PDB file of N, CA and C in Angstrom:
ATOM      1  N   MET A   1     186.905 -91.450 -19.004  1.00  0.00           N
ATOM      2  CA  MET A   1     187.324 -91.604 -17.630  1.00  0.00           C
ATOM      3  C   MET A   1     186.458 -92.653 -16.928  1.00  0.00           C
ATOM      4  N   GLU A   2     185.166 -92.662 -17.204  1.00  0.00           N
ATOM      5  CA  GLU A   2     184.283 -93.627 -16.546  1.00  0.00           C
ATOM      6  C   GLU A   2     184.662 -95.058 -16.909  1.00  0.00           C
ATOM      7  N   ALA A   3     185.005 -95.284 -18.166  1.00  0.00           N
ATOM      8  CA  ALA A   3     185.397 -96.630 -18.593  1.00  0.00           C
ATOM      9  C   ALA A   3     186.675 -97.072 -17.889  1.00  0.00           C
ATOM     10  N   GLU A   4     187.611 -96.145 -17.713  1.00  0.00           N
ATOM     11  CA  GLU A   4     188.857 -96.482 -17.020  1.00  0.00           C
ATOM     12  C   GLU A   4     188.596 -96.830 -15.554  1.00  0.00           C
ATOM     13  N   LEU A   5     187.682 -96.101 -14.912  1.00  0.00           N
ATOM     14  CA  LEU A   5     187.347 -96.405 -13.522  1.00  0.00           C
ATOM     15  C   LEU A   5     186.661 -97.763 -13.404  1.00  0.00           C
ATOM     16  N   THR A   6     185.800 -98.068 -14.361  1.00  0.00           N
ATOM     17  CA  THR A   6     185.130 -99.367 -14.367  1.00  0.00           C
ATOM     18  C   THR A   6     186.148-100.486 -14.540  1.00  0.00           C
ATOM     19  N   GLU A   7     187.078-100.302 -15.471  1.00  0.00           N
ATOM     20  CA  GLU A   7     188.117-101.309 -15.693  1.00  0.00           C
ATOM     21  C   GLU A   7     188.982-101.480 -14.443  1.00  0.00           C
ATOM     22  N   ALA A   8     189.322-100.380 -13.787  1.00  0.00           N
ATOM     23  CA  ALA A   8     190.128-100.451 -12.561  1.00  0.00           C
ATOM     24  C   ALA A   8     189.398-101.241 -11.479  1.00  0.00           C
ATOM     25  N   ARG A   9     188.110-101.010 -11.346  1.00  0.00           N
ATOM     26  CA  ARG A   9     187.320-101.744 -10.345  1.00  0.00           C
ATOM     27  C   ARG A   9     187.299-103.232 -10.665  1.00  0.00           C
ATOM     28  N   LEU A  10     187.120-103.575 -11.938  1.00  0.00           N
ATOM     29  CA  LEU A  10     187.097-104.984 -12.328  1.00  0.00           C
ATOM     30  C   LEU A  10     188.440-105.659 -12.082  1.00  0.00           C
ATOM     31  N   LEU A  11     189.531-104.951 -12.385  1.00  0.00           N
ATOM     32  CA  LEU A  11     190.859-105.508 -12.134  1.00  0.00           C
ATOM     33  C   LEU A  11     191.108-105.691 -10.641  1.00  0.00           C
ATOM     34  N   ARG A  12     190.658-104.736  -9.844  1.00  0.00           N
ATOM     35  CA  ARG A  12     190.805-104.858  -8.392  1.00  0.00           C
ATOM     36  C   ARG A  12     190.047-106.075  -7.886  1.00  0.00           C
ATOM     37  N   ASN A  13     188.816-106.249  -8.362  1.00  0.00           N
ATOM     38  CA  ASN A  13     188.031-107.411  -7.954  1.00  0.00           C
ATOM     39  C   ASN A  13     188.706-108.711  -8.375  1.00  0.00           C
ATOM     40  N   GLN A  14     189.252-108.722  -9.575  1.00  0.00           N
ATOM     41  CA  GLN A  14     189.944-109.916 -10.052  1.00  0.00           C
ATOM     42  C   GLN A  14     191.141-110.215  -9.150  1.00  0.00           C
ATOM     43  N   ALA A  15     191.889-109.189  -8.786  1.00  0.00           N
ATOM     44  CA  ALA A  15     193.045-109.380  -7.903  1.00  0.00           C
ATOM     45  C   ALA A  15     192.607-109.857  -6.526  1.00  0.00           C
ATOM     46  N   ASP A  16     191.487-109.355  -6.041  1.00  0.00           N
ATOM     47  CA  ASP A  16     191.004-109.743  -4.713  1.00  0.00           C
ATOM     48  C   ASP A  16     190.532-111.192  -4.660  1.00  0.00           C
ATOM     49  N   TYR A  17     189.931-111.684  -5.726  1.00  0.00           N
ATOM     50  CA  TYR A  17     189.285-112.990  -5.679  1.00  0.00           C
ATOM     51  C   TYR A  17     190.084-114.115  -6.316  1.00  0.00           C
ATOM     52  N   ASP A  18     191.116-113.797  -7.089  1.00  0.00           N
ATOM     53  CA  ASP A  18     191.989-114.844  -7.620  1.00  0.00           C
ATOM     54  C   ASP A  18     192.972-115.238  -6.524  1.00  0.00           C
ATOM     55  N   CYS A  19     193.141-116.539  -6.333  1.00  0.00           N
ATOM     56  CA  CYS A  19     194.069-116.991  -5.286  1.00  0.00           C
ATOM     57  C   CYS A  19     195.489-116.521  -5.553  1.00  0.00           C
ATOM     58  N   TYR A  20     195.954-116.750  -6.754  1.00  0.00           N
ATOM     59  CA  TYR A  20     197.298-116.340  -7.138  1.00  0.00           C
ATOM     60  C   TYR A  20     197.243-115.841  -8.571  1.00  0.00           C
ATOM     61  N   PRO A  21     197.951-114.774  -8.866  1.00  0.00           N
ATOM     62  CA  PRO A  21     197.979-114.326 -10.265  1.00  0.00           C
ATOM     63  C   PRO A  21     198.700-115.362 -11.122  1.00  0.00           C
ATOM     64  N   ALA A  22     198.114-115.667 -12.246  1.00  0.00           N
ATOM     65  CA  ALA A  22     198.698-116.669 -13.133  1.00  0.00           C
ATOM     66  C   ALA A  22     199.966-116.146 -13.793  1.00  0.00           C
ATOM     67  N   ASN A  23     200.014-114.865 -14.047  1.00  0.00           N
ATOM     68  CA  ASN A  23     201.130-114.291 -14.778  1.00  0.00           C
ATOM     69  C   ASN A  23     201.495-112.950 -14.140  1.00  0.00           C
ATOM     70  N   LEU A  24     202.599-112.917 -13.417  1.00  0.00           N
ATOM     71  CA  LEU A  24     203.001-111.691 -12.730  1.00  0.00           C
ATOM     72  C   LEU A  24     203.285-110.553 -13.701  1.00  0.00           C
ATOM     73  N   GLN A  25     203.778-110.870 -14.887  1.00  0.00           N
ATOM     74  CA  GLN A  25     204.050-109.824 -15.867  1.00  0.00           C
ATOM     75  C   GLN A  25     202.764-109.152 -16.332  1.00  0.00           C
ATOM     76  N   ALA A  26     201.699-109.912 -16.449  1.00  0.00           N
ATOM     77  CA  ALA A  26     200.411-109.322 -16.833  1.00  0.00           C
ATOM     78  C   ALA A  26     199.921-108.382 -15.741  1.00  0.00           C
ATOM     79  N   TRP A  27     200.093-108.759 -14.475  1.00  0.00           N
ATOM     80  CA  TRP A  27     199.689-107.892 -13.370  1.00  0.00           C
ATOM     81  C   TRP A  27     200.537-106.628 -13.346  1.00  0.00           C
ATOM     82  N   GLU A  28     201.818-106.758 -13.675  1.00  0.00           N
ATOM     83  CA  GLU A  28     202.677-105.574 -13.692  1.00  0.00           C
ATOM     84  C   GLU A  28     202.193-104.586 -14.752  1.00  0.00           C
ATOM     85  N   TYR A  29     201.842-105.088 -15.922  1.00  0.00           N
ATOM     86  CA  TYR A  29     201.326-104.223 -16.984  1.00  0.00           C
ATOM     87  C   TYR A  29     200.066-103.502 -16.518  1.00  0.00           C
ATOM     88  N   ASP A  30     199.136-104.251 -15.931  1.00  0.00           N
ATOM     89  CA  ASP A  30     197.892-103.649 -15.442  1.00  0.00           C
ATOM     90  C   ASP A  30     198.175-102.603 -14.370  1.00  0.00           C
ATOM     91  N   ALA A  31     199.092-102.909 -13.467  1.00  0.00           N
ATOM     92  CA  ALA A  31     199.413-101.974 -12.384  1.00  0.00           C
ATOM     93  C   ALA A  31     200.003-100.677 -12.928  1.00  0.00           C
ATOM     94  N   ARG A  32     200.883-100.773 -13.884  1.00  0.00           N
ATOM     95  CA  ARG A  32     201.483 -99.562 -14.465  1.00  0.00           C
ATOM     96  C   ARG A  32     200.436 -98.730 -15.209  1.00  0.00           C
ATOM     97  N   LYS A  33     199.544 -99.414 -15.920  1.00  0.00           N
ATOM     98  CA  LYS A  33     198.485 -98.712 -16.646  1.00  0.00           C
ATOM     99  C   LYS A  33     197.541 -98.014 -15.665  1.00  0.00           C
ATOM    100  N   LEU A  34     197.192 -98.701 -14.585  1.00  0.00           N
ATOM    101  CA  LEU A  34     196.309 -98.106 -13.582  1.00  0.00           C
ATOM    102  C   LEU A  34     196.979 -96.940 -12.862  1.00  0.00           C
ATOM    103  N   ALA A  35     198.275 -97.023 -12.649  1.00  0.00           N
ATOM    104  CA  ALA A  35     198.986 -95.927 -11.987  1.00  0.00           C
ATOM    105  C   ALA A  35     198.890 -94.654 -12.820  1.00  0.00           C
ATOM    106  N   ALA A  36     199.013 -94.785 -14.124  1.00  0.00           N
ATOM    107  CA  ALA A  36     198.893 -93.617 -14.999  1.00  0.00           C
ATOM    108  C   ALA A  36     197.472 -93.067 -14.965  1.00  0.00           C
ATOM    109  N   SER A  37     196.476 -93.936 -15.019  1.00  0.00           N
ATOM    110  CA  SER A  37     195.082 -93.491 -14.954  1.00  0.00           C
ATOM    111  C   SER A  37     194.775 -92.845 -13.612  1.00  0.00           C
ATOM    112  N   ALA A  38     195.326 -93.397 -12.546  1.00  0.00           N
ATOM    113  CA  ALA A  38     195.081 -92.853 -11.208  1.00  0.00           C
ATOM    114  C   ALA A  38     195.616 -91.433 -11.090  1.00  0.00           C
ATOM    115  N   ALA A  39     196.772 -91.177 -11.672  1.00  0.00           N
ATOM    116  CA  ALA A  39     197.347 -89.830 -11.620  1.00  0.00           C
ATOM    117  C   ALA A  39     196.432 -88.823 -12.308  1.00  0.00           C
ATOM    118  N   VAL A  40     195.886 -89.191 -13.449  1.00  0.00           N
ATOM    119  CA  VAL A  40     194.962 -88.310 -14.172  1.00  0.00           C
ATOM    120  C   VAL A  40     193.683 -88.115 -13.362  1.00  0.00           C
ATOM    121  N   PHE A  41     193.170 -89.183 -12.767  1.00  0.00           N
ATOM    122  CA  PHE A  41     191.952 -89.111 -11.977  1.00  0.00           C
ATOM    123  C   PHE A  41     192.129 -88.181 -10.773  1.00  0.00           C
ATOM    124  N   VAL A  42     193.238 -88.310 -10.073  1.00  0.00           N
ATOM    125  CA  VAL A  42     193.492 -87.454  -8.909  1.00  0.00           C
ATOM    126  C   VAL A  42     193.579 -85.997  -9.333  1.00  0.00           C
ATOM    127  N   LYS A  43     194.269 -85.729 -10.417  1.00  0.00           N
ATOM    128  CA  LYS A  43     194.395 -84.353 -10.916  1.00  0.00           C
ATOM    129  C   LYS A  43     193.013 -83.790 -11.264  1.00  0.00           C
ATOM    130  N   THR A  44     192.175 -84.585 -11.909  1.00  0.00           N
ATOM    131  CA  THR A  44     190.824 -84.163 -12.262  1.00  0.00           C
ATOM    132  C   THR A  44     189.999 -83.867 -11.016  1.00  0.00           C
ATOM    133  N   CYS A  45     190.099 -84.732 -10.022  1.00  0.00           N
ATOM    134  CA  CYS A  45     189.361 -84.516  -8.766  1.00  0.00           C
ATOM    135  C   CYS A  45     189.839 -83.257  -8.053  1.00  0.00           C
ATOM    136  N   GLU A  46     191.151 -83.050  -8.028  1.00  0.00           N
ATOM    137  CA  GLU A  46     191.691 -81.848  -7.389  1.00  0.00           C
ATOM    138  C   GLU A  46     191.169 -80.592  -8.073  1.00  0.00           C
ATOM    139  N   SER A  47     191.181 -80.587  -9.384  1.00  0.00           N
ATOM    140  CA  SER A  47     190.678 -79.430 -10.128  1.00  0.00           C
ATOM    141  C   SER A  47     189.207 -79.187  -9.828  1.00  0.00           C
ATOM    142  N   PHE A  48     188.420 -80.250  -9.772  1.00  0.00           N
ATOM    143  CA  PHE A  48     186.989 -80.132  -9.504  1.00  0.00           C
ATOM    144  C   PHE A  48     186.729 -79.492  -8.144  1.00  0.00           C
ATOM    145  N   VAL A  49     187.393 -79.988  -7.104  1.00  0.00           N
ATOM    146  CA  VAL A  49     187.115 -79.455  -5.768  1.00  0.00           C
ATOM    147  C   VAL A  49     187.586 -78.013  -5.619  1.00  0.00           C
ATOM    148  N   ILE A  50     188.675 -77.671  -6.281  1.00  0.00           N
ATOM    149  CA  ILE A  50     189.161 -76.284  -6.219  1.00  0.00           C
ATOM    150  C   ILE A  50     188.218 -75.359  -6.973  1.00  0.00           C
ATOM    151  N   GLU A  51     187.831 -75.751  -8.187  1.00  0.00           N
ATOM    152  CA  GLU A  51     186.952 -74.916  -9.008  1.00  0.00           C
ATOM    153  C   GLU A  51     185.570 -74.730  -8.388  1.00  0.00           C
ATOM    154  N   ASN A  52     185.116 -75.704  -7.617  1.00  0.00           N
ATOM    155  CA  ASN A  52     183.786 -75.632  -7.020  1.00  0.00           C
ATOM    156  C   ASN A  52     183.806 -75.170  -5.570  1.00  0.00           C
ATOM    157  N   GLY A  53     184.958 -74.737  -5.102  1.00  0.00           N
ATOM    158  CA  GLY A  53     185.060 -74.152  -3.776  1.00  0.00           C
ATOM    159  C   GLY A  53     184.959 -75.124  -2.617  1.00  0.00           C
ATOM    160  N   TYR A  54     185.221 -76.390  -2.859  1.00  0.00           N
ATOM    161  CA  TYR A  54     185.181 -77.362  -1.767  1.00  0.00           C
ATOM    162  C   TYR A  54     186.453 -77.315  -0.919  1.00  0.00           C
ATOM    163  N   VAL A  55     187.498 -76.738  -1.472  1.00  0.00           N
ATOM    164  CA  VAL A  55     188.771 -76.618  -0.745  1.00  0.00           C
ATOM    165  C   VAL A  55     189.213 -75.178  -0.780  1.00  0.00           C
TER     166      VAL A  55
END
């Protein structure tokens, strides 16, 4: 999970600092992959806060 978060941060930085994406299809692939990782991350965070009594 940590590696996926690191990769997501690097991709976000790349998107922020590149003037224009060179290949929109490559960005679409990255976006779809990140969407799947984000869903798992949110589920993990929800479980953590519930199990530890934060919610």
